[in-house]
Amino acid sequence: MPQGPESWQAAAACRGPQSKAFFPPAHVERKEEKLAREARAKAICAECRVRLDCLDYALRIREPHGIWGGLNEAERKQLVERRAG
């Protein structure tokens, strides 16, 4: 397999059918549904061997949606602000 800058993606634990937990559905979700979905995604991230690569990628490209590296959009924004400030 080629070793490009995003080669970590092939080893990500979120690949496959569980990937739908990482992004909001097309319909509006209730707060408790969102929290449950995010908890499922974060549990997968917690066991992922490329979690930090994923988080670094999301921060670098300023990904505005979904769970990346175990953090949701608001958590990533807070992390960026703490690092900057």
PDB file of N, CA and C in Angstrom:
ATOM      1  N   MET A   1       0.848  -1.181   0.000  1.00  0.00           N
ATOM      2  CA  MET A   1       0.000   0.000   0.000  1.00  0.00           C
ATOM      3  C   MET A   1       0.888   1.237   0.000  1.00  0.00           C
ATOM      4  N   PRO A   2       0.545   2.251  -0.813  1.00  0.00           N
ATOM      5  CA  PRO A   2       1.335   3.475  -0.826  1.00  0.00           C
ATOM      6  C   PRO A   2       1.253   4.194   0.519  1.00  0.00           C
ATOM      7  N   GLN A   3       2.350   4.802   0.917  1.00  0.00           N
ATOM      8  CA  GLN A   3       2.395   5.520   2.185  1.00  0.00           C
ATOM      9  C   GLN A   3       2.282   7.026   1.920  1.00  0.00           C
ATOM     10  N   GLY A   4       1.061   7.514   1.765  1.00  0.00           N
ATOM     11  CA  GLY A   4       0.832   8.940   1.569  1.00  0.00           C
ATOM     12  C   GLY A   4       0.578   9.617   2.898  1.00  0.00           C
ATOM     13  N   PRO A   5       0.334  10.914   2.853  1.00  0.00           N
ATOM     14  CA  PRO A   5       0.134  11.659   4.093  1.00  0.00           C
ATOM     15  C   PRO A   5      -1.095  11.208   4.886  1.00  0.00           C
ATOM     16  N   GLU A   6      -2.070  10.622   4.230  1.00  0.00           N
ATOM     17  CA  GLU A   6      -3.271  10.156   4.924  1.00  0.00           C
ATOM     18  C   GLU A   6      -3.377   8.628   4.901  1.00  0.00           C
ATOM     19  N   SER A   7      -2.252   7.938   4.869  1.00  0.00           N
ATOM     20  CA  SER A   7      -2.276   6.468   4.830  1.00  0.00           C
ATOM     21  C   SER A   7      -2.864   5.867   6.109  1.00  0.00           C
ATOM     22  N   TRP A   8      -2.929   6.639   7.190  1.00  0.00           N
ATOM     23  CA  TRP A   8      -3.528   6.172   8.440  1.00  0.00           C
ATOM     24  C   TRP A   8      -4.997   5.804   8.250  1.00  0.00           C
ATOM     25  N   GLN A   9      -5.669   6.403   7.273  1.00  0.00           N
ATOM     26  CA  GLN A   9      -7.101   6.170   7.072  1.00  0.00           C
ATOM     27  C   GLN A   9      -7.432   4.703   6.824  1.00  0.00           C
ATOM     28  N   ALA A  10      -6.540   3.985   6.169  1.00  0.00           N
ATOM     29  CA  ALA A  10      -6.784   2.562   5.898  1.00  0.00           C
ATOM     30  C   ALA A  10      -6.835   1.740   7.176  1.00  0.00           C
ATOM     31  N   ALA A  11      -6.187   2.216   8.239  1.00  0.00           N
ATOM     32  CA  ALA A  11      -6.150   1.490   9.512  1.00  0.00           C
ATOM     33  C   ALA A  11      -7.188   1.998  10.513  1.00  0.00           C
ATOM     34  N   ALA A  12      -8.001   2.953  10.126  1.00  0.00           N
ATOM     35  CA  ALA A  12      -8.959   3.563  11.048  1.00  0.00           C
ATOM     36  C   ALA A  12     -10.048   2.573  11.463  1.00  0.00           C
ATOM     37  N   ALA A  13     -10.348   2.560  12.754  1.00  0.00           N
ATOM     38  CA  ALA A  13     -11.372   1.662  13.307  1.00  0.00           C
ATOM     39  C   ALA A  13     -12.780   2.044  12.860  1.00  0.00           C
ATOM     40  N   CYS A  14     -12.956   3.249  12.361  1.00  0.00           N
ATOM     41  CA  CYS A  14     -14.290   3.714  11.964  1.00  0.00           C
ATOM     42  C   CYS A  14     -14.694   3.277  10.563  1.00  0.00           C
ATOM     43  N   ARG A  15     -13.807   2.636   9.845  1.00  0.00           N
ATOM     44  CA  ARG A  15     -14.139   2.199   8.480  1.00  0.00           C
ATOM     45  C   ARG A  15     -15.225   1.141   8.516  1.00  0.00           C
ATOM     46  N   GLY A  16     -16.085   1.155   7.526  1.00  0.00           N
ATOM     47  CA  GLY A  16     -17.124   0.147   7.434  1.00  0.00           C
ATOM     48  C   GLY A  16     -18.485   0.659   7.893  1.00  0.00           C
ATOM     49  N   PRO A  17     -19.403  -0.264   8.182  1.00  0.00           N
ATOM     50  CA  PRO A  17     -20.781   0.130   8.485  1.00  0.00           C
ATOM     51  C   PRO A  17     -20.932   1.018   9.722  1.00  0.00           C
ATOM     52  N   GLN A  18     -20.022   0.926  10.667  1.00  0.00           N
ATOM     53  CA  GLN A  18     -20.117   1.745  11.872  1.00  0.00           C
ATOM     54  C   GLN A  18     -19.811   3.215  11.594  1.00  0.00           C
ATOM     55  N   SER A  19     -19.342   3.531  10.406  1.00  0.00           N
ATOM     56  CA  SER A  19     -18.961   4.911  10.093  1.00  0.00           C
ATOM     57  C   SER A  19     -20.146   5.877  10.189  1.00  0.00           C
ATOM     58  N   LYS A  20     -21.362   5.382  10.065  1.00  0.00           N
ATOM     59  CA  LYS A  20     -22.519   6.280  10.134  1.00  0.00           C
ATOM     60  C   LYS A  20     -22.670   6.917  11.515  1.00  0.00           C
ATOM     61  N   ALA A  21     -22.087   6.337  12.545  1.00  0.00           N
ATOM     62  CA  ALA A  21     -22.165   6.916  13.893  1.00  0.00           C
ATOM     63  C   ALA A  21     -21.331   8.193  14.019  1.00  0.00           C
ATOM     64  N   PHE A  22     -20.438   8.421  13.085  1.00  0.00           N
ATOM     65  CA  PHE A  22     -19.499   9.531  13.200  1.00  0.00           C
ATOM     66  C   PHE A  22     -20.026  10.847  12.644  1.00  0.00           C
ATOM     67  N   PHE A  23     -21.139  10.812  11.936  1.00  0.00           N
ATOM     68  CA  PHE A  23     -21.705  12.007  11.331  1.00  0.00           C
ATOM     69  C   PHE A  23     -23.200  12.067  11.582  1.00  0.00           C
ATOM     70  N   PRO A  24     -23.755  13.272  11.703  1.00  0.00           N
ATOM     71  CA  PRO A  24     -25.191  13.392  11.940  1.00  0.00           C
ATOM     72  C   PRO A  24     -25.994  12.846  10.760  1.00  0.00           C
ATOM     73  N   PRO A  25     -27.178  12.313  11.043  1.00  0.00           N
ATOM     74  CA  PRO A  25     -28.033  11.807   9.958  1.00  0.00           C
ATOM     75  C   PRO A  25     -28.623  12.970   9.159  1.00  0.00           C
ATOM     76  N   ALA A  26     -29.233  12.649   8.041  1.00  0.00           N
ATOM     77  CA  ALA A  26     -29.840  13.672   7.190  1.00  0.00           C
ATOM     78  C   ALA A  26     -31.034  14.337   7.884  1.00  0.00           C
ATOM     79  N   HIS A  27     -31.700  13.608   8.763  1.00  0.00           N
ATOM     80  CA  HIS A  27     -32.832  14.178   9.505  1.00  0.00           C
ATOM     81  C   HIS A  27     -32.349  14.803  10.818  1.00  0.00           C
ATOM     82  N   VAL A  28     -33.175  15.658  11.375  1.00  0.00           N
ATOM     83  CA  VAL A  28     -32.827  16.290  12.654  1.00  0.00           C
ATOM     84  C   VAL A  28     -32.842  15.222  13.747  1.00  0.00           C
ATOM     85  N   GLU A  29     -31.793  15.188  14.554  1.00  0.00           N
ATOM     86  CA  GLU A  29     -31.759  14.222  15.645  1.00  0.00           C
ATOM     87  C   GLU A  29     -31.983  14.933  16.978  1.00  0.00           C
ATOM     88  N   ARG A  30     -32.706  14.248  17.854  1.00  0.00           N
ATOM     89  CA  ARG A  30     -32.938  14.783  19.192  1.00  0.00           C
ATOM     90  C   ARG A  30     -31.618  14.775  19.954  1.00  0.00           C
ATOM     91  N   LYS A  31     -31.544  15.609  20.994  1.00  0.00           N
ATOM     92  CA  LYS A  31     -30.307  15.741  21.759  1.00  0.00           C
ATOM     93  C   LYS A  31     -29.839  14.394  22.287  1.00  0.00           C
ATOM     94  N   GLU A  32     -30.742  13.599  22.856  1.00  0.00           N
ATOM     95  CA  GLU A  32     -30.332  12.301  23.403  1.00  0.00           C
ATOM     96  C   GLU A  32     -29.880  11.337  22.312  1.00  0.00           C
ATOM     97  N   GLU A  33     -30.445  11.438  21.118  1.00  0.00           N
ATOM     98  CA  GLU A  33     -29.985  10.613  19.994  1.00  0.00           C
ATOM     99  C   GLU A  33     -28.570  11.021  19.581  1.00  0.00           C
ATOM    100  N   LYS A  34     -28.330  12.327  19.533  1.00  0.00           N
ATOM    101  CA  LYS A  34     -27.001  12.823  19.172  1.00  0.00           C
ATOM    102  C   LYS A  34     -25.967  12.365  20.198  1.00  0.00           C
ATOM    103  N   LEU A  35     -26.284  12.520  21.472  1.00  0.00           N
ATOM    104  CA  LEU A  35     -25.347  12.124  22.522  1.00  0.00           C
ATOM    105  C   LEU A  35     -25.039  10.625  22.450  1.00  0.00           C
ATOM    106  N   ALA A  36     -26.064   9.802  22.192  1.00  0.00           N
ATOM    107  CA  ALA A  36     -25.857   8.351  22.093  1.00  0.00           C
ATOM    108  C   ALA A  36     -25.010   8.010  20.876  1.00  0.00           C
ATOM    109  N   ARG A  37     -25.287   8.660  19.735  1.00  0.00           N
ATOM    110  CA  ARG A  37     -24.515   8.407  18.511  1.00  0.00           C
ATOM    111  C   ARG A  37     -23.061   8.814  18.719  1.00  0.00           C
ATOM    112  N   GLU A  38     -22.853   9.992  19.300  1.00  0.00           N
ATOM    113  CA  GLU A  38     -21.485  10.451  19.538  1.00  0.00           C
ATOM    114  C   GLU A  38     -20.754   9.545  20.528  1.00  0.00           C
ATOM    115  N   ALA A  39     -21.461   9.047  21.526  1.00  0.00           N
ATOM    116  CA  ALA A  39     -20.828   8.132  22.493  1.00  0.00           C
ATOM    117  C   ALA A  39     -20.383   6.846  21.802  1.00  0.00           C
ATOM    118  N   ARG A  40     -21.205   6.328  20.874  1.00  0.00           N
ATOM    119  CA  ARG A  40     -20.814   5.121  20.110  1.00  0.00           C
ATOM    120  C   ARG A  40     -19.561   5.402  19.290  1.00  0.00           C
ATOM    121  N   ALA A  41     -19.543   6.546  18.618  1.00  0.00           N
ATOM    122  CA  ALA A  41     -18.389   6.904  17.788  1.00  0.00           C
ATOM    123  C   ALA A  41     -17.132   7.075  18.643  1.00  0.00           C
ATOM    124  N   LYS A  42     -17.271   7.764  19.755  1.00  0.00           N
ATOM    125  CA  LYS A  42     -16.113   8.011  20.623  1.00  0.00           C
ATOM    126  C   LYS A  42     -15.589   6.714  21.230  1.00  0.00           C
ATOM    127  N   ALA A  43     -16.472   5.748  21.479  1.00  0.00           N
ATOM    128  CA  ALA A  43     -16.027   4.446  21.993  1.00  0.00           C
ATOM    129  C   ALA A  43     -15.176   3.729  20.945  1.00  0.00           C
ATOM    130  N   ILE A  44     -15.556   3.852  19.682  1.00  0.00           N
ATOM    131  CA  ILE A  44     -14.761   3.266  18.598  1.00  0.00           C
ATOM    132  C   ILE A  44     -13.414   3.978  18.515  1.00  0.00           C
ATOM    133  N   CYS A  45     -13.430   5.302  18.607  1.00  0.00           N
ATOM    134  CA  CYS A  45     -12.183   6.080  18.569  1.00  0.00           C
ATOM    135  C   CYS A  45     -11.242   5.687  19.701  1.00  0.00           C
ATOM    136  N   ALA A  46     -11.804   5.450  20.868  1.00  0.00           N
ATOM    137  CA  ALA A  46     -10.978   5.136  22.037  1.00  0.00           C
ATOM    138  C   ALA A  46     -10.134   3.885  21.818  1.00  0.00           C
ATOM    139  N   GLU A  47     -10.592   2.974  20.966  1.00  0.00           N
ATOM    140  CA  GLU A  47      -9.874   1.729  20.688  1.00  0.00           C
ATOM    141  C   GLU A  47      -9.038   1.800  19.407  1.00  0.00           C
ATOM    142  N   CYS A  48      -9.051   2.949  18.742  1.00  0.00           N
ATOM    143  CA  CYS A  48      -8.416   3.072  17.425  1.00  0.00           C
ATOM    144  C   CYS A  48      -6.932   3.408  17.558  1.00  0.00           C
ATOM    145  N   ARG A  49      -6.116   2.682  16.817  1.00  0.00           N
ATOM    146  CA  ARG A  49      -4.668   2.895  16.897  1.00  0.00           C
ATOM    147  C   ARG A  49      -4.192   4.102  16.100  1.00  0.00           C
ATOM    148  N   VAL A  50      -5.059   4.700  15.288  1.00  0.00           N
ATOM    149  CA  VAL A  50      -4.659   5.893  14.525  1.00  0.00           C
ATOM    150  C   VAL A  50      -5.467   7.123  14.950  1.00  0.00           C
ATOM    151  N   ARG A  51      -6.000   7.099  16.160  1.00  0.00           N
ATOM    152  CA  ARG A  51      -6.847   8.185  16.659  1.00  0.00           C
ATOM    153  C   ARG A  51      -6.136   9.538  16.602  1.00  0.00           C
ATOM    154  N   LEU A  52      -4.892   9.601  17.035  1.00  0.00           N
ATOM    155  CA  LEU A  52      -4.182  10.885  17.041  1.00  0.00           C
ATOM    156  C   LEU A  52      -3.897  11.391  15.634  1.00  0.00           C
ATOM    157  N   ASP A  53      -3.603  10.486  14.710  1.00  0.00           N
ATOM    158  CA  ASP A  53      -3.420  10.887  13.304  1.00  0.00           C
ATOM    159  C   ASP A  53      -4.719  11.481  12.766  1.00  0.00           C
ATOM    160  N   CYS A  54      -5.827  10.845  13.110  1.00  0.00           N
ATOM    161  CA  CYS A  54      -7.144  11.296  12.673  1.00  0.00           C
ATOM    162  C   CYS A  54      -7.441  12.691  13.228  1.00  0.00           C
ATOM    163  N   LEU A  55      -7.208  12.863  14.510  1.00  0.00           N
ATOM    164  CA  LEU A  55      -7.452  14.163  15.130  1.00  0.00           C
ATOM    165  C   LEU A  55      -6.564  15.230  14.517  1.00  0.00           C
ATOM    166  N   ASP A  56      -5.288  14.936  14.334  1.00  0.00           N
ATOM    167  CA  ASP A  56      -4.377  15.902  13.710  1.00  0.00           C
ATOM    168  C   ASP A  56      -4.867  16.304  12.323  1.00  0.00           C
ATOM    169  N   TYR A  57      -5.343  15.318  11.564  1.00  0.00           N
ATOM    170  CA  TYR A  57      -5.867  15.580  10.222  1.00  0.00           C
ATOM    171  C   TYR A  57      -7.075  16.520  10.290  1.00  0.00           C
ATOM    172  N   ALA A  58      -8.031  16.203  11.172  1.00  0.00           N
ATOM    173  CA  ALA A  58      -9.242  17.017  11.287  1.00  0.00           C
ATOM    174  C   ALA A  58      -8.911  18.449  11.703  1.00  0.00           C
ATOM    175  N   LEU A  59      -7.953  18.592  12.595  1.00  0.00           N
ATOM    176  CA  LEU A  59      -7.546  19.935  13.021  1.00  0.00           C
ATOM    177  C   LEU A  59      -6.847  20.675  11.889  1.00  0.00           C
ATOM    178  N   ARG A  60      -6.012  19.955  11.149  1.00  0.00           N
ATOM    179  CA  ARG A  60      -5.255  20.576  10.059  1.00  0.00           C
ATOM    180  C   ARG A  60      -6.170  21.083   8.952  1.00  0.00           C
ATOM    181  N   ILE A  61      -7.199  20.299   8.609  1.00  0.00           N
ATOM    182  CA  ILE A  61      -8.090  20.720   7.522  1.00  0.00           C
ATOM    183  C   ILE A  61      -9.299  21.502   8.029  1.00  0.00           C
ATOM    184  N   ARG A  62      -9.351  21.674   9.356  1.00  0.00           N
ATOM    185  CA  ARG A  62     -10.469  22.388   9.995  1.00  0.00           C
ATOM    186  C   ARG A  62     -11.812  21.752   9.645  1.00  0.00           C
ATOM    187  N   GLU A  63     -11.876  20.437   9.807  1.00  0.00           N
ATOM    188  CA  GLU A  63     -13.092  19.665   9.510  1.00  0.00           C
ATOM    189  C   GLU A  63     -14.251  20.182  10.373  1.00  0.00           C
ATOM    190  N   PRO A  64     -15.341  20.652   9.731  1.00  0.00           N
ATOM    191  CA  PRO A  64     -16.435  21.241  10.505  1.00  0.00           C
ATOM    192  C   PRO A  64     -17.509  20.258  10.979  1.00  0.00           C
ATOM    193  N   HIS A  65     -17.436  19.003  10.566  1.00  0.00           N
ATOM    194  CA  HIS A  65     -18.509  18.064  10.884  1.00  0.00           C
ATOM    195  C   HIS A  65     -17.973  16.738  11.411  1.00  0.00           C
ATOM    196  N   GLY A  66     -18.757  16.111  12.281  1.00  0.00           N
ATOM    197  CA  GLY A  66     -18.496  14.744  12.687  1.00  0.00           C
ATOM    198  C   GLY A  66     -17.521  14.564  13.832  1.00  0.00           C
ATOM    199  N   ILE A  67     -17.353  13.290  14.198  1.00  0.00           N
ATOM    200  CA  ILE A  67     -16.409  12.886  15.229  1.00  0.00           C
ATOM    201  C   ILE A  67     -15.113  12.495  14.528  1.00  0.00           C
ATOM    202  N   TRP A  68     -14.033  13.127  14.925  1.00  0.00           N
ATOM    203  CA  TRP A  68     -12.708  12.838  14.371  1.00  0.00           C
ATOM    204  C   TRP A  68     -11.735  12.741  15.528  1.00  0.00           C
ATOM    205  N   GLY A  69     -10.990  11.674  15.607  1.00  0.00           N
ATOM    206  CA  GLY A  69     -10.006  11.529  16.671  1.00  0.00           C
ATOM    207  C   GLY A  69     -10.608  11.547  18.059  1.00  0.00           C
ATOM    208  N   GLY A  70     -11.879  11.178  18.164  1.00  0.00           N
ATOM    209  CA  GLY A  70     -12.541  11.126  19.459  1.00  0.00           C
ATOM    210  C   GLY A  70     -13.166  12.427  19.923  1.00  0.00           C
ATOM    211  N   LEU A  71     -13.133  13.456  19.081  1.00  0.00           N
ATOM    212  CA  LEU A  71     -13.715  14.745  19.455  1.00  0.00           C
ATOM    213  C   LEU A  71     -14.790  15.176  18.466  1.00  0.00           C
ATOM    214  N   ASN A  72     -15.840  15.807  18.981  1.00  0.00           N
ATOM    215  CA  ASN A  72     -16.867  16.356  18.093  1.00  0.00           C
ATOM    216  C   ASN A  72     -16.462  17.764  17.659  1.00  0.00           C
ATOM    217  N   GLU A  73     -17.331  18.415  16.898  1.00  0.00           N
ATOM    218  CA  GLU A  73     -17.014  19.721  16.336  1.00  0.00           C
ATOM    219  C   GLU A  73     -16.678  20.743  17.423  1.00  0.00           C
ATOM    220  N   ALA A  74     -17.512  20.831  18.452  1.00  0.00           N
ATOM    221  CA  ALA A  74     -17.307  21.811  19.521  1.00  0.00           C
ATOM    222  C   ALA A  74     -16.029  21.517  20.298  1.00  0.00           C
ATOM    223  N   GLU A  75     -15.751  20.250  20.540  1.00  0.00           N
ATOM    224  CA  GLU A  75     -14.539  19.870  21.275  1.00  0.00           C
ATOM    225  C   GLU A  75     -13.276  20.203  20.481  1.00  0.00           C
ATOM    226  N   ARG A  76     -13.325  19.984  19.164  1.00  0.00           N
ATOM    227  CA  ARG A  76     -12.166  20.347  18.330  1.00  0.00           C
ATOM    228  C   ARG A  76     -11.957  21.855  18.318  1.00  0.00           C
ATOM    229  N   LYS A  77     -13.052  22.602  18.245  1.00  0.00           N
ATOM    230  CA  LYS A  77     -12.950  24.061  18.253  1.00  0.00           C
ATOM    231  C   LYS A  77     -12.326  24.538  19.564  1.00  0.00           C
ATOM    232  N   GLN A  78     -12.749  23.966  20.686  1.00  0.00           N
ATOM    233  CA  GLN A  78     -12.178  24.331  21.985  1.00  0.00           C
ATOM    234  C   GLN A  78     -10.690  24.012  22.037  1.00  0.00           C
ATOM    235  N   LEU A  79     -10.298  22.870  21.490  1.00  0.00           N
ATOM    236  CA  LEU A  79      -8.895  22.474  21.481  1.00  0.00           C
ATOM    237  C   LEU A  79      -8.063  23.470  20.681  1.00  0.00           C
ATOM    238  N   VAL A  80      -8.557  23.863  19.535  1.00  0.00           N
ATOM    239  CA  VAL A  80      -7.850  24.841  18.693  1.00  0.00           C
ATOM    240  C   VAL A  80      -7.707  26.162  19.449  1.00  0.00           C
ATOM    241  N   GLU A  81      -8.777  26.580  20.100  1.00  0.00           N
ATOM    242  CA  GLU A  81      -8.743  27.851  20.839  1.00  0.00           C
ATOM    243  C   GLU A  81      -7.755  27.788  22.004  1.00  0.00           C
ATOM    244  N   ARG A  82      -7.712  26.641  22.710  1.00  0.00           N
ATOM    245  CA  ARG A  82      -6.760  26.492  23.828  1.00  0.00           C
ATOM    246  C   ARG A  82      -5.335  26.523  23.314  1.00  0.00           C
ATOM    247  N   ARG A  83      -5.090  25.861  22.186  1.00  0.00           N
ATOM    248  CA  ARG A  83      -3.735  25.842  21.628  1.00  0.00           C
ATOM    249  C   ARG A  83      -3.303  27.228  21.171  1.00  0.00           C
ATOM    250  N   ALA A  84      -4.257  28.018  20.671  1.00  0.00           N
ATOM    251  CA  ALA A  84      -3.945  29.350  20.159  1.00  0.00           C
ATOM    252  C   ALA A  84      -3.785  30.367  21.281  1.00  0.00           C
ATOM    253  N   GLY A  85      -4.454  30.108  22.415  1.00  0.00           N
ATOM    254  CA  GLY A  85      -4.509  31.136  23.411  1.00  0.00           C
ATOM    255  C   GLY A  85      -3.672  31.016  24.579  1.00  0.00           C
TER     256      GLY A  85
END
